[in-house]
Amino acid sequence: MIRLTPKTKPGREPTIALINVVFLMLVFFMIAGTLAPPLGQSVQLVRTADLEGREPPDALVIRADGVLEYRGAELTDVAAYVERASIDLPLDAVRLVPDRALPAVRLKQVSDALRALGANRVFVVTERGLP
């Protein structure tokens, strides 16, 4: 005689319990661990709020109207900068200091022109805002 047994449904997996355990572990490690050791009490950080902002001495400045300046002198185009700056330093890394109101299109044009004239890397110097 063959005996038929009713199929039993498999039990539900305890996913809620697993989520709770993972959450509690996360909270524990956030409280117990630190990413970096705290500074010593005798260390005081430099205060930069009162410093005057100036461009690096070898940077190419682009004013809001698109005019280029290098060391206080106006330049006619990017080629004039390359000609003048190559006397003082190699054209390996060029630093651009754009005015805040400068259109991005003009910044891209100057950057592309510098790369076409041999600049390996072009950095845009910006101001970092602190809360």
Protein backbone atom coordinates (compact mmCIF):
# COMPACT_ATOMS: atom_id res chain seq x y z
CA MET A 1 0.00 0.00 0.00
CA ILE A 2 1.20 3.39 -0.97
CA ARG A 3 0.77 6.03 1.58
CA LEU A 4 0.27 9.59 0.41
CA THR A 5 1.50 12.33 2.66
CA PRO A 6 0.44 15.91 2.23
CA LYS A 7 3.13 18.24 0.97
CA THR A 8 4.37 20.61 3.56
CA LYS A 9 5.32 24.12 2.67
CA PRO A 10 8.92 25.02 3.35
CA GLY A 11 9.29 27.39 6.28
CA ARG A 12 9.91 31.06 5.70
CA GLU A 13 13.45 32.21 5.94
CA PRO A 14 14.06 34.59 8.81
CA THR A 15 15.17 37.57 6.70
CA ILE A 16 13.86 40.13 9.18
CA ALA A 17 16.09 38.67 11.88
CA LEU A 18 19.06 38.76 9.53
CA ILE A 19 18.39 42.40 8.66
CA ASN A 20 18.16 43.27 12.36
CA VAL A 21 21.48 41.58 13.12
CA VAL A 22 23.24 43.34 10.24
CA PHE A 23 21.80 46.70 11.30
CA LEU A 24 22.92 46.19 14.90
CA MET A 25 26.41 45.26 13.70
CA LEU A 26 26.52 48.40 11.57
CA VAL A 27 25.52 50.60 14.51
CA PHE A 28 28.08 48.88 16.76
CA PHE A 29 30.96 49.43 14.34
CA MET A 30 29.95 53.04 13.71
CA ILE A 31 30.09 53.75 17.44
CA ALA A 32 33.07 51.59 18.39
CA GLY A 33 35.34 52.26 15.42
CA THR A 34 37.04 55.40 14.20
CA LEU A 35 38.33 56.11 10.71
CA ALA A 36 41.25 58.23 11.86
CA PRO A 37 42.74 58.80 15.28
CA PRO A 38 41.78 62.14 16.81
CA LEU A 39 44.32 64.97 16.91
CA GLY A 40 46.18 65.55 20.10
CA GLN A 41 44.97 68.30 22.40
CA SER A 42 48.21 70.25 21.91
CA VAL A 43 47.75 70.53 18.10
CA GLN A 44 46.02 73.62 16.73
CA LEU A 45 45.19 73.72 13.04
CA VAL A 46 46.18 76.58 10.76
CA ARG A 47 43.50 79.21 10.27
CA THR A 48 43.16 80.21 6.61
CA ALA A 49 40.07 82.39 6.75
CA ASP A 50 42.11 85.58 7.00
CA LEU A 51 44.59 84.79 4.22
CA GLU A 52 44.49 86.77 1.02
CA GLY A 53 43.78 84.65 -2.02
CA ARG A 54 46.38 84.88 -4.77
CA GLU A 55 47.03 82.85 -7.86
CA PRO A 56 50.21 80.77 -8.09
CA PRO A 57 53.06 82.84 -9.60
CA ASP A 58 53.34 80.70 -12.73
CA ALA A 59 49.59 80.42 -13.42
CA LEU A 60 47.72 81.64 -16.48
CA VAL A 61 44.85 83.87 -15.34
CA ILE A 62 41.69 84.17 -17.44
CA ARG A 63 39.53 87.18 -16.61
CA ALA A 64 35.74 87.18 -16.92
CA ASP A 65 35.94 88.91 -20.33
CA GLY A 66 38.24 86.12 -21.61
CA VAL A 67 41.48 88.14 -21.60
CA LEU A 68 44.56 86.14 -20.59
CA GLU A 69 47.11 87.39 -18.05
CA TYR A 70 50.49 85.98 -17.09
CA ARG A 71 52.41 87.56 -14.22
CA GLY A 72 50.35 90.73 -14.43
CA ALA A 73 50.78 91.30 -18.18
CA GLU A 74 47.96 90.87 -20.69
CA LEU A 75 48.50 88.34 -23.45
CA THR A 76 47.02 88.28 -26.92
CA ASP A 77 46.47 84.53 -27.10
CA VAL A 78 47.49 81.16 -25.68
CA ALA A 79 50.52 80.92 -27.99
CA ALA A 80 51.93 84.07 -26.37
CA TYR A 81 51.64 82.38 -22.98
CA VAL A 82 53.41 79.24 -24.22
CA GLU A 83 56.17 81.36 -25.74
CA ARG A 84 56.61 83.43 -22.59
CA ALA A 85 56.18 80.68 -20.01
CA SER A 86 58.49 78.20 -21.73
CA ILE A 87 61.40 80.51 -20.90
CA ASP A 88 60.67 80.23 -17.16
CA LEU A 89 59.38 76.67 -16.82
CA PRO A 90 58.64 73.57 -18.89
CA LEU A 91 55.17 73.17 -20.33
CA ASP A 92 54.56 69.94 -18.41
CA ALA A 93 51.80 71.16 -16.08
CA VAL A 94 49.89 74.40 -16.71
CA ARG A 95 47.77 75.99 -14.01
CA LEU A 96 44.71 77.96 -15.13
CA VAL A 97 43.05 80.43 -12.77
CA PRO A 98 39.67 81.33 -14.28
CA ASP A 99 37.45 84.12 -13.07
CA ARG A 100 34.23 82.91 -11.48
CA ALA A 101 32.16 84.64 -14.18
CA LEU A 102 34.16 83.18 -17.07
CA PRO A 103 31.98 81.10 -19.43
CA ALA A 104 32.89 77.42 -19.43
CA VAL A 105 33.16 77.46 -23.21
CA ARG A 106 36.04 79.94 -23.05
CA LEU A 107 37.78 77.87 -20.37
CA LYS A 108 37.49 74.77 -22.58
CA GLN A 109 38.87 76.70 -25.58
CA VAL A 110 41.94 77.83 -23.64
CA SER A 111 42.49 74.36 -22.20
CA ASP A 112 42.25 72.74 -25.65
CA ALA A 113 44.62 75.31 -27.12
CA LEU A 114 47.18 74.63 -24.37
CA ARG A 115 47.01 70.90 -25.02
CA ALA A 116 47.38 71.47 -28.76
CA LEU A 117 50.52 73.55 -28.12
CA GLY A 118 52.15 70.82 -26.03
CA ALA A 119 50.87 71.01 -22.45
CA ASN A 120 50.82 67.54 -20.92
CA ARG A 121 48.50 68.38 -18.02
CA VAL A 122 46.19 71.34 -17.45
CA PHE A 123 45.01 72.10 -13.90
CA VAL A 124 42.18 74.47 -13.05
CA VAL A 125 42.90 76.30 -9.80
CA THR A 126 39.78 76.93 -7.75
CA GLU A 127 38.86 78.19 -4.33
CA ARG A 128 37.76 75.67 -1.78
CA GLY A 129 34.77 76.79 0.24
CA LEU A 130 34.75 75.85 3.90
CA PRO A 131 31.57 75.76 5.96
